[in-house]
Amino acid sequence: MRLKNVLIVVKDIEKSKKFYHDLFGLDTILDNEGNMILTEGLVLQDAKIWKDFVKKDIISESNSCELYFEERDIETFAQKLDELYPSIKYVNRLMTHSWGQRVMRFYDLDGNLIEVGTPM
């Protein structure tokens, strides 16, 4: 068995598709009426579909999981994030851990937690 995809819930699939393309270069593989598969195995699902399926409220900024990306040129990435999405909500701006890895954490447009770090 292998993990095939990671699904996140979004309010506006088109805005989220643009966000993940602008920042991470992810492209659309399949667009199926409220379910969109992007490269790297990320799936965007419309919040209405998800809520109908699970019959529970969606909790933004739940901090129970994160999407993790690695970027060698993290300073350029941080600058691009500030330029393209100046109102993005940060958990922490670019910092250096005690073991030397540089990281930043922020929420996407729907409160899904993202970490971007330099390769270890």
PDB file of N, CA and C in Angstrom:
ATOM      1  N   MET A   1       0.843  -1.173   0.000  1.00  0.00           N
ATOM      2  CA  MET A   1       0.000   0.000   0.000  1.00  0.00           C
ATOM      3  C   MET A   1       0.889   1.237   0.000  1.00  0.00           C
ATOM      4  N   ARG A   2       0.385   2.328  -0.611  1.00  0.00           N
ATOM      5  CA  ARG A   2       1.130   3.580  -0.592  1.00  0.00           C
ATOM      6  C   ARG A   2       0.154   4.745  -0.501  1.00  0.00           C
ATOM      7  N   LEU A   3       0.624   5.814   0.069  1.00  0.00           N
ATOM      8  CA  LEU A   3      -0.170   7.036   0.152  1.00  0.00           C
ATOM      9  C   LEU A   3      -0.257   7.646  -1.238  1.00  0.00           C
ATOM     10  N   LYS A   4      -1.465   7.905  -1.696  1.00  0.00           N
ATOM     11  CA  LYS A   4      -1.665   8.398  -3.060  1.00  0.00           C
ATOM     12  C   LYS A   4      -1.779   9.916  -3.123  1.00  0.00           C
ATOM     13  N   ASN A   5      -2.586  10.509  -2.247  1.00  0.00           N
ATOM     14  CA  ASN A   5      -2.826  11.944  -2.285  1.00  0.00           C
ATOM     15  C   ASN A   5      -3.030  12.481  -0.875  1.00  0.00           C
ATOM     16  N   VAL A   6      -2.940  13.805  -0.771  1.00  0.00           N
ATOM     17  CA  VAL A   6      -3.320  14.527   0.440  1.00  0.00           C
ATOM     18  C   VAL A   6      -4.389  15.521   0.003  1.00  0.00           C
ATOM     19  N   LEU A   7      -5.536  15.507   0.682  1.00  0.00           N
ATOM     20  CA  LEU A   7      -6.665  16.359   0.331  1.00  0.00           C
ATOM     21  C   LEU A   7      -6.795  17.472   1.356  1.00  0.00           C
ATOM     22  N   ILE A   8      -6.979  18.698   0.871  1.00  0.00           N
ATOM     23  CA  ILE A   8      -7.283  19.820   1.743  1.00  0.00           C
ATOM     24  C   ILE A   8      -8.592  20.446   1.284  1.00  0.00           C
ATOM     25  N   VAL A   9      -9.294  21.020   2.215  1.00  0.00           N
ATOM     26  CA  VAL A   9     -10.591  21.635   1.951  1.00  0.00           C
ATOM     27  C   VAL A   9     -10.384  23.127   1.700  1.00  0.00           C
ATOM     28  N   VAL A  10     -11.034  23.629   0.647  1.00  0.00           N
ATOM     29  CA  VAL A  10     -10.894  25.035   0.267  1.00  0.00           C
ATOM     30  C   VAL A  10     -12.267  25.625  -0.060  1.00  0.00           C
ATOM     31  N   LYS A  11     -12.388  26.921   0.159  1.00  0.00           N
ATOM     32  CA  LYS A  11     -13.663  27.602  -0.113  1.00  0.00           C
ATOM     33  C   LYS A  11     -13.806  27.980  -1.580  1.00  0.00           C
ATOM     34  N   ASP A  12     -12.701  28.350  -2.214  1.00  0.00           N
ATOM     35  CA  ASP A  12     -12.722  28.779  -3.608  1.00  0.00           C
ATOM     36  C   ASP A  12     -11.612  28.037  -4.351  1.00  0.00           C
ATOM     37  N   ILE A  13     -12.005  27.013  -5.067  1.00  0.00           N
ATOM     38  CA  ILE A  13     -11.036  26.139  -5.725  1.00  0.00           C
ATOM     39  C   ILE A  13     -10.165  26.900  -6.728  1.00  0.00           C
ATOM     40  N   GLU A  14     -10.729  27.841  -7.460  1.00  0.00           N
ATOM     41  CA  GLU A  14      -9.954  28.588  -8.456  1.00  0.00           C
ATOM     42  C   GLU A  14      -8.890  29.469  -7.786  1.00  0.00           C
ATOM     43  N   LYS A  15      -9.250  30.131  -6.686  1.00  0.00           N
ATOM     44  CA  LYS A  15      -8.266  30.950  -5.963  1.00  0.00           C
ATOM     45  C   LYS A  15      -7.170  30.072  -5.368  1.00  0.00           C
ATOM     46  N   SER A  16      -7.562  28.926  -4.839  1.00  0.00           N
ATOM     47  CA  SER A  16      -6.574  28.012  -4.253  1.00  0.00           C
ATOM     48  C   SER A  16      -5.670  27.421  -5.315  1.00  0.00           C
ATOM     49  N   LYS A  17      -6.234  27.082  -6.469  1.00  0.00           N
ATOM     50  CA  LYS A  17      -5.420  26.570  -7.578  1.00  0.00           C
ATOM     51  C   LYS A  17      -4.365  27.601  -7.965  1.00  0.00           C
ATOM     52  N   LYS A  18      -4.763  28.855  -8.063  1.00  0.00           N
ATOM     53  CA  LYS A  18      -3.827  29.932  -8.397  1.00  0.00           C
ATOM     54  C   LYS A  18      -2.759  30.081  -7.318  1.00  0.00           C
ATOM     55  N   PHE A  19      -3.165  30.049  -6.051  1.00  0.00           N
ATOM     56  CA  PHE A  19      -2.241  30.169  -4.920  1.00  0.00           C
ATOM     57  C   PHE A  19      -1.152  29.086  -4.999  1.00  0.00           C
ATOM     58  N   TYR A  20      -1.567  27.832  -5.148  1.00  0.00           N
ATOM     59  CA  TYR A  20      -0.598  26.729  -5.163  1.00  0.00           C
ATOM     60  C   TYR A  20       0.237  26.708  -6.444  1.00  0.00           C
ATOM     61  N   HIS A  21      -0.306  27.242  -7.525  1.00  0.00           N
ATOM     62  CA  HIS A  21       0.490  27.362  -8.743  1.00  0.00           C
ATOM     63  C   HIS A  21       1.497  28.519  -8.615  1.00  0.00           C
ATOM     64  N   ASP A  22       1.012  29.688  -8.167  1.00  0.00           N
ATOM     65  CA  ASP A  22       1.877  30.866  -8.036  1.00  0.00           C
ATOM     66  C   ASP A  22       3.074  30.606  -7.133  1.00  0.00           C
ATOM     67  N   LEU A  23       2.832  29.977  -5.993  1.00  0.00           N
ATOM     68  CA  LEU A  23       3.885  29.818  -4.988  1.00  0.00           C
ATOM     69  C   LEU A  23       4.713  28.546  -5.143  1.00  0.00           C
ATOM     70  N   PHE A  24       4.068  27.453  -5.518  1.00  0.00           N
ATOM     71  CA  PHE A  24       4.743  26.160  -5.492  1.00  0.00           C
ATOM     72  C   PHE A  24       4.873  25.507  -6.870  1.00  0.00           C
ATOM     73  N   GLY A  25       4.308  26.148  -7.893  1.00  0.00           N
ATOM     74  CA  GLY A  25       4.414  25.620  -9.241  1.00  0.00           C
ATOM     75  C   GLY A  25       3.570  24.388  -9.500  1.00  0.00           C
ATOM     76  N   LEU A  26       2.571  24.136  -8.661  1.00  0.00           N
ATOM     77  CA  LEU A  26       1.724  22.958  -8.849  1.00  0.00           C
ATOM     78  C   LEU A  26       0.733  23.217  -9.980  1.00  0.00           C
ATOM     79  N   ASP A  27       0.567  22.233 -10.835  1.00  0.00           N
ATOM     80  CA  ASP A  27      -0.340  22.335 -11.972  1.00  0.00           C
ATOM     81  C   ASP A  27      -1.513  21.381 -11.794  1.00  0.00           C
ATOM     82  N   THR A  28      -2.579  21.649 -12.506  1.00  0.00           N
ATOM     83  CA  THR A  28      -3.784  20.821 -12.443  1.00  0.00           C
ATOM     84  C   THR A  28      -3.596  19.567 -13.285  1.00  0.00           C
ATOM     85  N   ILE A  29      -3.883  18.424 -12.678  1.00  0.00           N
ATOM     86  CA  ILE A  29      -3.883  17.143 -13.390  1.00  0.00           C
ATOM     87  C   ILE A  29      -5.314  16.787 -13.783  1.00  0.00           C
ATOM     88  N   LEU A  30      -6.261  16.989 -12.851  1.00  0.00           N
ATOM     89  CA  LEU A  30      -7.652  16.638 -13.081  1.00  0.00           C
ATOM     90  C   LEU A  30      -8.545  17.637 -12.375  1.00  0.00           C
ATOM     91  N   ASP A  31      -9.542  18.133 -13.071  1.00  0.00           N
ATOM     92  CA  ASP A  31     -10.536  19.044 -12.502  1.00  0.00           C
ATOM     93  C   ASP A  31     -11.887  18.374 -12.642  1.00  0.00           C
ATOM     94  N   ASN A  32     -12.455  17.941 -11.516  1.00  0.00           N
ATOM     95  CA  ASN A  32     -13.668  17.140 -11.547  1.00  0.00           C
ATOM     96  C   ASN A  32     -14.744  17.731 -10.643  1.00  0.00           C
ATOM     97  N   GLU A  33     -15.282  18.881 -11.028  1.00  0.00           N
ATOM     98  CA  GLU A  33     -16.428  19.489 -10.344  1.00  0.00           C
ATOM     99  C   GLU A  33     -16.295  19.509  -8.819  1.00  0.00           C
ATOM    100  N   GLY A  34     -15.419  20.343  -8.340  1.00  0.00           N
ATOM    101  CA  GLY A  34     -15.259  20.488  -6.892  1.00  0.00           C
ATOM    102  C   GLY A  34     -14.150  19.655  -6.297  1.00  0.00           C
ATOM    103  N   ASN A  35     -13.525  18.845  -7.106  1.00  0.00           N
ATOM    104  CA  ASN A  35     -12.352  18.063  -6.707  1.00  0.00           C
ATOM    105  C   ASN A  35     -11.278  18.297  -7.754  1.00  0.00           C
ATOM    106  N   MET A  36     -10.127  18.772  -7.315  1.00  0.00           N
ATOM    107  CA  MET A  36      -9.057  19.088  -8.256  1.00  0.00           C
ATOM    108  C   MET A  36      -7.764  18.441  -7.772  1.00  0.00           C
ATOM    109  N   ILE A  37      -7.174  17.633  -8.627  1.00  0.00           N
ATOM    110  CA  ILE A  37      -5.897  17.005  -8.307  1.00  0.00           C
ATOM    111  C   ILE A  37      -4.793  17.843  -8.934  1.00  0.00           C
ATOM    112  N   LEU A  38      -3.832  18.223  -8.111  1.00  0.00           N
ATOM    113  CA  LEU A  38      -2.673  18.981  -8.559  1.00  0.00           C
ATOM    114  C   LEU A  38      -1.451  18.072  -8.580  1.00  0.00           C
ATOM    115  N   THR A  39      -0.408  18.517  -9.268  1.00  0.00           N
ATOM    116  CA  THR A  39       0.842  17.768  -9.261  1.00  0.00           C
ATOM    117  C   THR A  39       1.346  17.659  -7.825  1.00  0.00           C
ATOM    118  N   GLU A  40       2.207  16.702  -7.594  1.00  0.00           N
ATOM    119  CA  GLU A  40       2.775  16.390  -6.274  1.00  0.00           C
ATOM    120  C   GLU A  40       1.757  15.732  -5.343  1.00  0.00           C
ATOM    121  N   GLY A  41       0.560  15.406  -5.858  1.00  0.00           N
ATOM    122  CA  GLY A  41      -0.408  14.657  -5.060  1.00  0.00           C
ATOM    123  C   GLY A  41      -1.312  15.484  -4.167  1.00  0.00           C
ATOM    124  N   LEU A  42      -1.345  16.789  -4.360  1.00  0.00           N
ATOM    125  CA  LEU A  42      -2.237  17.625  -3.557  1.00  0.00           C
ATOM    126  C   LEU A  42      -3.609  17.677  -4.219  1.00  0.00           C
ATOM    127  N   VAL A  43      -4.652  17.424  -3.422  1.00  0.00           N
ATOM    128  CA  VAL A  43      -6.024  17.483  -3.902  1.00  0.00           C
ATOM    129  C   VAL A  43      -6.737  18.626  -3.198  1.00  0.00           C
ATOM    130  N   LEU A  44      -7.417  19.451  -3.971  1.00  0.00           N
ATOM    131  CA  LEU A  44      -8.254  20.514  -3.436  1.00  0.00           C
ATOM    132  C   LEU A  44      -9.696  20.046  -3.547  1.00  0.00           C
ATOM    133  N   GLN A  45     -10.440  20.163  -2.443  1.00  0.00           N
ATOM    134  CA  GLN A  45     -11.857  19.816  -2.496  1.00  0.00           C
ATOM    135  C   GLN A  45     -12.681  20.978  -1.984  1.00  0.00           C
ATOM    136  N   ASP A  46     -13.752  21.279  -2.720  1.00  0.00           N
ATOM    137  CA  ASP A  46     -14.662  22.356  -2.358  1.00  0.00           C
ATOM    138  C   ASP A  46     -15.249  22.093  -0.972  1.00  0.00           C
ATOM    139  N   ALA A  47     -15.253  23.113  -0.143  1.00  0.00           N
ATOM    140  CA  ALA A  47     -15.713  22.992   1.245  1.00  0.00           C
ATOM    141  C   ALA A  47     -17.148  22.492   1.334  1.00  0.00           C
ATOM    142  N   LYS A  48     -18.001  22.880   0.405  1.00  0.00           N
ATOM    143  CA  LYS A  48     -19.401  22.425   0.436  1.00  0.00           C
ATOM    144  C   LYS A  48     -19.495  20.920   0.254  1.00  0.00           C
ATOM    145  N   ILE A  49     -18.703  20.381  -0.644  1.00  0.00           N
ATOM    146  CA  ILE A  49     -18.698  18.926  -0.873  1.00  0.00           C
ATOM    147  C   ILE A  49     -18.210  18.201   0.379  1.00  0.00           C
ATOM    148  N   TRP A  50     -17.104  18.695   0.941  1.00  0.00           N
ATOM    149  CA  TRP A  50     -16.530  18.066   2.132  1.00  0.00           C
ATOM    150  C   TRP A  50     -17.523  18.092   3.299  1.00  0.00           C
ATOM    151  N   LYS A  51     -18.131  19.248   3.519  1.00  0.00           N
ATOM    152  CA  LYS A  51     -19.071  19.379   4.642  1.00  0.00           C
ATOM    153  C   LYS A  51     -20.279  18.466   4.449  1.00  0.00           C
ATOM    154  N   ASP A  52     -20.789  18.344   3.226  1.00  0.00           N
ATOM    155  CA  ASP A  52     -21.899  17.419   2.957  1.00  0.00           C
ATOM    156  C   ASP A  52     -21.486  15.982   3.225  1.00  0.00           C
ATOM    157  N   PHE A  53     -20.250  15.653   2.922  1.00  0.00           N
ATOM    158  CA  PHE A  53     -19.766  14.288   3.089  1.00  0.00           C
ATOM    159  C   PHE A  53     -19.552  13.937   4.563  1.00  0.00           C
ATOM    160  N   VAL A  54     -18.869  14.792   5.311  1.00  0.00           N
ATOM    161  CA  VAL A  54     -18.526  14.443   6.697  1.00  0.00           C
ATOM    162  C   VAL A  54     -19.563  14.900   7.720  1.00  0.00           C
ATOM    163  N   LYS A  55     -20.449  15.799   7.307  1.00  0.00           N
ATOM    164  CA  LYS A  55     -21.514  16.292   8.198  1.00  0.00           C
ATOM    165  C   LYS A  55     -20.957  16.925   9.473  1.00  0.00           C
ATOM    166  N   LYS A  56     -19.831  17.592   9.343  1.00  0.00           N
ATOM    167  CA  LYS A  56     -19.209  18.295  10.466  1.00  0.00           C
ATOM    168  C   LYS A  56     -18.691  19.638   9.977  1.00  0.00           C
ATOM    169  N   ASP A  57     -18.513  20.564  10.919  1.00  0.00           N
ATOM    170  CA  ASP A  57     -17.972  21.869  10.566  1.00  0.00           C
ATOM    171  C   ASP A  57     -16.494  21.759  10.195  1.00  0.00           C
ATOM    172  N   ILE A  58     -16.079  22.621   9.303  1.00  0.00           N
ATOM    173  CA  ILE A  58     -14.672  22.703   8.916  1.00  0.00           C
ATOM    174  C   ILE A  58     -14.009  23.716   9.842  1.00  0.00           C
ATOM    175  N   ILE A  59     -12.891  23.349  10.430  1.00  0.00           N
ATOM    176  CA  ILE A  59     -12.206  24.202  11.388  1.00  0.00           C
ATOM    177  C   ILE A  59     -10.940  24.757  10.742  1.00  0.00           C
ATOM    178  N   SER A  60     -11.001  26.029  10.388  1.00  0.00           N
ATOM    179  CA  SER A  60      -9.854  26.700   9.798  1.00  0.00           C
ATOM    180  C   SER A  60      -8.782  26.913  10.868  1.00  0.00           C
ATOM    181  N   GLU A  61      -7.523  26.886  10.449  1.00  0.00           N
ATOM    182  CA  GLU A  61      -6.385  27.073  11.361  1.00  0.00           C
ATOM    183  C   GLU A  61      -6.442  26.105  12.547  1.00  0.00           C
ATOM    184  N   SER A  62      -6.786  24.860  12.262  1.00  0.00           N
ATOM    185  CA  SER A  62      -6.879  23.857  13.325  1.00  0.00           C
ATOM    186  C   SER A  62      -5.514  23.438  13.851  1.00  0.00           C
ATOM    187  N   ASN A  63      -4.453  23.677  13.073  1.00  0.00           N
ATOM    188  CA  ASN A  63      -3.084  23.363  13.490  1.00  0.00           C
ATOM    189  C   ASN A  63      -2.877  21.889  13.827  1.00  0.00           C
ATOM    190  N   SER A  64      -3.655  21.023  13.204  1.00  0.00           N
ATOM    191  CA  SER A  64      -3.517  19.598  13.481  1.00  0.00           C
ATOM    192  C   SER A  64      -2.655  18.879  12.446  1.00  0.00           C
ATOM    193  N   CYS A  65      -2.335  19.573  11.353  1.00  0.00           N
ATOM    194  CA  CYS A  65      -1.447  19.013  10.337  1.00  0.00           C
ATOM    195  C   CYS A  65      -0.901  20.164   9.502  1.00  0.00           C
ATOM    196  N   GLU A  66       0.093  19.866   8.666  1.00  0.00           N
ATOM    197  CA  GLU A  66       0.636  20.896   7.787  1.00  0.00           C
ATOM    198  C   GLU A  66       1.102  20.274   6.489  1.00  0.00           C
ATOM    199  N   LEU A  67       1.138  21.095   5.466  1.00  0.00           N
ATOM    200  CA  LEU A  67       1.778  20.731   4.210  1.00  0.00           C
ATOM    201  C   LEU A  67       3.220  21.217   4.308  1.00  0.00           C
ATOM    202  N   TYR A  68       4.165  20.350   3.969  1.00  0.00           N
ATOM    203  CA  TYR A  68       5.574  20.697   4.093  1.00  0.00           C
ATOM    204  C   TYR A  68       6.224  20.709   2.718  1.00  0.00           C
ATOM    205  N   PHE A  69       6.884  21.804   2.401  1.00  0.00           N
ATOM    206  CA  PHE A  69       7.605  21.975   1.140  1.00  0.00           C
ATOM    207  C   PHE A  69       9.056  22.318   1.461  1.00  0.00           C
ATOM    208  N   GLU A  70       9.968  21.912   0.571  1.00  0.00           N
ATOM    209  CA  GLU A  70      11.363  22.310   0.711  1.00  0.00           C
ATOM    210  C   GLU A  70      11.747  23.238  -0.426  1.00  0.00           C
ATOM    211  N   GLU A  71      12.569  24.228  -0.092  1.00  0.00           N
ATOM    212  CA  GLU A  71      13.007  25.231  -1.063  1.00  0.00           C
ATOM    213  C   GLU A  71      14.439  25.639  -0.732  1.00  0.00           C
ATOM    214  N   ARG A  72      15.346  25.461  -1.679  1.00  0.00           N
ATOM    215  CA  ARG A  72      16.747  25.841  -1.457  1.00  0.00           C
ATOM    216  C   ARG A  72      16.899  27.357  -1.314  1.00  0.00           C
ATOM    217  N   ASP A  73      16.235  28.120  -2.183  1.00  0.00           N
ATOM    218  CA  ASP A  73      16.339  29.582  -2.165  1.00  0.00           C
ATOM    219  C   ASP A  73      15.154  30.165  -1.383  1.00  0.00           C
ATOM    220  N   ILE A  74      15.177  29.953  -0.088  1.00  0.00           N
ATOM    221  CA  ILE A  74      14.032  30.313   0.738  1.00  0.00           C
ATOM    222  C   ILE A  74      13.846  31.826   0.874  1.00  0.00           C
ATOM    223  N   GLU A  75      14.926  32.581   0.771  1.00  0.00           N
ATOM    224  CA  GLU A  75      14.794  34.042   0.838  1.00  0.00           C
ATOM    225  C   GLU A  75      13.978  34.566  -0.343  1.00  0.00           C
ATOM    226  N   THR A  76      14.255  34.043  -1.529  1.00  0.00           N
ATOM    227  CA  THR A  76      13.500  34.439  -2.718  1.00  0.00           C
ATOM    228  C   THR A  76      12.042  34.011  -2.587  1.00  0.00           C
ATOM    229  N   PHE A  77      11.819  32.806  -2.055  1.00  0.00           N
ATOM    230  CA  PHE A  77      10.448  32.343  -1.838  1.00  0.00           C
ATOM    231  C   PHE A  77       9.714  33.276  -0.873  1.00  0.00           C
ATOM    232  N   ALA A  78      10.359  33.639   0.231  1.00  0.00           N
ATOM    233  CA  ALA A  78       9.732  34.529   1.221  1.00  0.00           C
ATOM    234  C   ALA A  78       9.364  35.866   0.596  1.00  0.00           C
ATOM    235  N   GLN A  79      10.238  36.378  -0.247  1.00  0.00           N
ATOM    236  CA  GLN A  79       9.970  37.642  -0.928  1.00  0.00           C
ATOM    237  C   GLN A  79       8.784  37.496  -1.889  1.00  0.00           C
ATOM    238  N   LYS A  80       8.745  36.395  -2.630  1.00  0.00           N
ATOM    239  CA  LYS A  80       7.641  36.145  -3.564  1.00  0.00           C
ATOM    240  C   LYS A  80       6.315  36.037  -2.814  1.00  0.00           C
ATOM    241  N   LEU A  81       6.317  35.350  -1.693  1.00  0.00           N
ATOM    242  CA  LEU A  81       5.100  35.223  -0.880  1.00  0.00           C
ATOM    243  C   LEU A  81       4.605  36.592  -0.434  1.00  0.00           C
ATOM    244  N   ASP A  82       5.517  37.425   0.060  1.00  0.00           N
ATOM    245  CA  ASP A  82       5.135  38.779   0.498  1.00  0.00           C
ATOM    246  C   ASP A  82       4.606  39.630  -0.654  1.00  0.00           C
ATOM    247  N   GLU A  83       5.200  39.473  -1.829  1.00  0.00           N
ATOM    248  CA  GLU A  83       4.774  40.269  -2.988  1.00  0.00           C
ATOM    249  C   GLU A  83       3.426  39.819  -3.536  1.00  0.00           C
ATOM    250  N   LEU A  84       3.237  38.501  -3.676  1.00  0.00           N
ATOM    251  CA  LEU A  84       2.012  37.977  -4.279  1.00  0.00           C
ATOM    252  C   LEU A  84       0.835  37.925  -3.312  1.00  0.00           C
ATOM    253  N   TYR A  85       1.122  37.683  -2.052  1.00  0.00           N
ATOM    254  CA  TYR A  85       0.065  37.517  -1.042  1.00  0.00           C
ATOM    255  C   TYR A  85       0.435  38.309   0.215  1.00  0.00           C
ATOM    256  N   PRO A  86       0.413  39.636   0.122  1.00  0.00           N
ATOM    257  CA  PRO A  86       0.868  40.470   1.242  1.00  0.00           C
ATOM    258  C   PRO A  86       0.026  40.343   2.514  1.00  0.00           C
ATOM    259  N   SER A  87      -1.201  39.871   2.405  1.00  0.00           N
ATOM    260  CA  SER A  87      -2.040  39.754   3.605  1.00  0.00           C
ATOM    261  C   SER A  87      -2.032  38.343   4.191  1.00  0.00           C
ATOM    262  N   ILE A  88      -1.108  37.502   3.740  1.00  0.00           N
ATOM    263  CA  ILE A  88      -1.034  36.129   4.243  1.00  0.00           C
ATOM    264  C   ILE A  88      -0.772  36.155   5.750  1.00  0.00           C
ATOM    265  N   LYS A  89      -1.364  35.205   6.455  1.00  0.00           N
ATOM    266  CA  LYS A  89      -1.205  35.134   7.913  1.00  0.00           C
ATOM    267  C   LYS A  89      -0.064  34.174   8.251  1.00  0.00           C
ATOM    268  N   TYR A  90       0.933  34.683   8.957  1.00  0.00           N
ATOM    269  CA  TYR A  90       2.107  33.892   9.335  1.00  0.00           C
ATOM    270  C   TYR A  90       1.947  33.282  10.725  1.00  0.00           C
ATOM    271  N   VAL A  91       2.475  32.086  10.873  1.00  0.00           N
ATOM    272  CA  VAL A  91       2.699  31.501  12.195  1.00  0.00           C
ATOM    273  C   VAL A  91       4.079  31.957  12.652  1.00  0.00           C
ATOM    274  N   ASN A  92       5.056  31.822  11.766  1.00  0.00           N
ATOM    275  CA  ASN A  92       6.373  32.420  11.984  1.00  0.00           C
ATOM    276  C   ASN A  92       6.981  32.774  10.642  1.00  0.00           C
ATOM    277  N   ARG A  93       7.569  33.956  10.600  1.00  0.00           N
ATOM    278  CA  ARG A  93       8.299  34.362   9.399  1.00  0.00           C
ATOM    279  C   ARG A  93       9.608  33.584   9.357  1.00  0.00           C
ATOM    280  N   LEU A  94      10.403  33.828   8.362  1.00  0.00           N
ATOM    281  CA  LEU A  94      11.631  33.088   8.159  1.00  0.00           C
ATOM    282  C   LEU A  94      12.498  33.116   9.417  1.00  0.00           C
ATOM    283  N   MET A  95      12.855  31.921   9.881  1.00  0.00           N
ATOM    284  CA  MET A  95      13.664  31.769  11.093  1.00  0.00           C
ATOM    285  C   MET A  95      14.629  30.612  10.881  1.00  0.00           C
ATOM    286  N   THR A  96      15.598  30.500  11.779  1.00  0.00           N
ATOM    287  CA  THR A  96      16.563  29.404  11.716  1.00  0.00           C
ATOM    288  C   THR A  96      16.453  28.585  12.986  1.00  0.00           C
ATOM    289  N   HIS A  97      16.207  27.265  12.801  1.00  0.00           N
ATOM    290  CA  HIS A  97      16.159  26.353  13.946  1.00  0.00           C
ATOM    291  C   HIS A  97      17.581  26.135  14.495  1.00  0.00           C
ATOM    292  N   SER A  98      17.658  25.616  15.703  1.00  0.00           N
ATOM    293  CA  SER A  98      18.954  25.369  16.337  1.00  0.00           C
ATOM    294  C   SER A  98      19.815  24.397  15.531  1.00  0.00           C
ATOM    295  N   TRP A  99      19.200  23.531  14.723  1.00  0.00           N
ATOM    296  CA  TRP A  99      19.957  22.569  13.925  1.00  0.00           C
ATOM    297  C   TRP A  99      20.343  23.132  12.552  1.00  0.00           C
ATOM    298  N   GLY A 100      20.029  24.421  12.305  1.00  0.00           N
ATOM    299  CA  GLY A 100      20.489  25.097  11.105  1.00  0.00           C
ATOM    300  C   GLY A 100      19.490  25.207   9.967  1.00  0.00           C
ATOM    301  N   GLN A 101      18.375  24.500  10.054  1.00  0.00           N
ATOM    302  CA  GLN A 101      17.389  24.582   8.980  1.00  0.00           C
ATOM    303  C   GLN A 101      16.613  25.894   9.063  1.00  0.00           C
ATOM    304  N   ARG A 102      16.452  26.544   7.920  1.00  0.00           N
ATOM    305  CA  ARG A 102      15.665  27.780   7.847  1.00  0.00           C
ATOM    306  C   ARG A 102      14.243  27.404   7.448  1.00  0.00           C
ATOM    307  N   VAL A 103      13.254  27.939   8.148  1.00  0.00           N
ATOM    308  CA  VAL A 103      11.858  27.591   7.894  1.00  0.00           C
ATOM    309  C   VAL A 103      10.956  28.804   8.071  1.00  0.00           C
ATOM    310  N   MET A 104       9.765  28.684   7.501  1.00  0.00           N
ATOM    311  CA  MET A 104       8.697  29.652   7.728  1.00  0.00           C
ATOM    312  C   MET A 104       7.388  28.879   7.715  1.00  0.00           C
ATOM    313  N   ARG A 105       6.419  29.353   8.477  1.00  0.00           N
ATOM    314  CA  ARG A 105       5.099  28.728   8.516  1.00  0.00           C
ATOM    315  C   ARG A 105       4.042  29.802   8.336  1.00  0.00           C
ATOM    316  N   PHE A 106       3.028  29.448   7.565  1.00  0.00           N
ATOM    317  CA  PHE A 106       1.937  30.377   7.296  1.00  0.00           C
ATOM    318  C   PHE A 106       0.711  29.577   6.900  1.00  0.00           C
ATOM    319  N   TYR A 107      -0.429  30.251   6.858  1.00  0.00           N
ATOM    320  CA  TYR A 107      -1.678  29.611   6.447  1.00  0.00           C
ATOM    321  C   TYR A 107      -1.978  29.945   4.996  1.00  0.00           C
ATOM    322  N   ASP A 108      -2.545  28.983   4.290  1.00  0.00           N
ATOM    323  CA  ASP A 108      -3.002  29.284   2.935  1.00  0.00           C
ATOM    324  C   ASP A 108      -4.288  30.107   3.029  1.00  0.00           C
ATOM    325  N   LEU A 109      -4.956  30.313   1.923  1.00  0.00           N
ATOM    326  CA  LEU A 109      -6.138  31.167   1.880  1.00  0.00           C
ATOM    327  C   LEU A 109      -7.301  30.635   2.711  1.00  0.00           C
ATOM    328  N   ASP A 110      -7.245  29.345   3.081  1.00  0.00           N
ATOM    329  CA  ASP A 110      -8.327  28.706   3.834  1.00  0.00           C
ATOM    330  C   ASP A 110      -7.917  28.259   5.229  1.00  0.00           C
ATOM    331  N   GLY A 111      -6.745  28.683   5.681  1.00  0.00           N
ATOM    332  CA  GLY A 111      -6.314  28.330   7.024  1.00  0.00           C
ATOM    333  C   GLY A 111      -5.630  26.981   7.129  1.00  0.00           C
ATOM    334  N   ASN A 112      -5.214  26.402   5.996  1.00  0.00           N
ATOM    335  CA  ASN A 112      -4.420  25.176   6.028  1.00  0.00           C
ATOM    336  C   ASN A 112      -2.970  25.573   6.281  1.00  0.00           C
ATOM    337  N   LEU A 113      -2.342  24.929   7.253  1.00  0.00           N
ATOM    338  CA  LEU A 113      -0.985  25.278   7.666  1.00  0.00           C
ATOM    339  C   LEU A 113       0.048  24.763   6.657  1.00  0.00           C
ATOM    340  N   ILE A 114       0.983  25.635   6.300  1.00  0.00           N
ATOM    341  CA  ILE A 114       2.064  25.285   5.371  1.00  0.00           C
ATOM    342  C   ILE A 114       3.398  25.625   6.029  1.00  0.00           C
ATOM    343  N   GLU A 115       4.349  24.712   5.885  1.00  0.00           N
ATOM    344  CA  GLU A 115       5.729  24.978   6.289  1.00  0.00           C
ATOM    345  C   GLU A 115       6.597  24.883   5.041  1.00  0.00           C
ATOM    346  N   VAL A 116       7.483  25.850   4.885  1.00  0.00           N
ATOM    347  CA  VAL A 116       8.492  25.802   3.830  1.00  0.00           C
ATOM    348  C   VAL A 116       9.847  25.864   4.524  1.00  0.00           C
ATOM    349  N   GLY A 117      10.690  24.888   4.222  1.00  0.00           N
ATOM    350  CA  GLY A 117      12.001  24.833   4.852  1.00  0.00           C
ATOM    351  C   GLY A 117      13.088  24.530   3.843  1.00  0.00           C
ATOM    352  N   THR A 118      14.310  24.837   4.233  1.00  0.00           N
ATOM    353  CA  THR A 118      15.452  24.471   3.393  1.00  0.00           C
ATOM    354  C   THR A 118      15.691  22.972   3.531  1.00  0.00           C
ATOM    355  N   PRO A 119      16.221  22.336   2.487  1.00  0.00           N
ATOM    356  CA  PRO A 119      16.491  20.890   2.573  1.00  0.00           C
ATOM    357  C   PRO A 119      17.462  20.596   3.708  1.00  0.00           C
ATOM    358  N   MET A 120      17.271  19.464   4.313  1.00  0.00           N
ATOM    359  CA  MET A 120      18.143  19.020   5.402  1.00  0.00           C
ATOM    360  C   MET A 120      19.284  18.196   4.859  1.00  0.00           C
TER     361      MET A 120
END
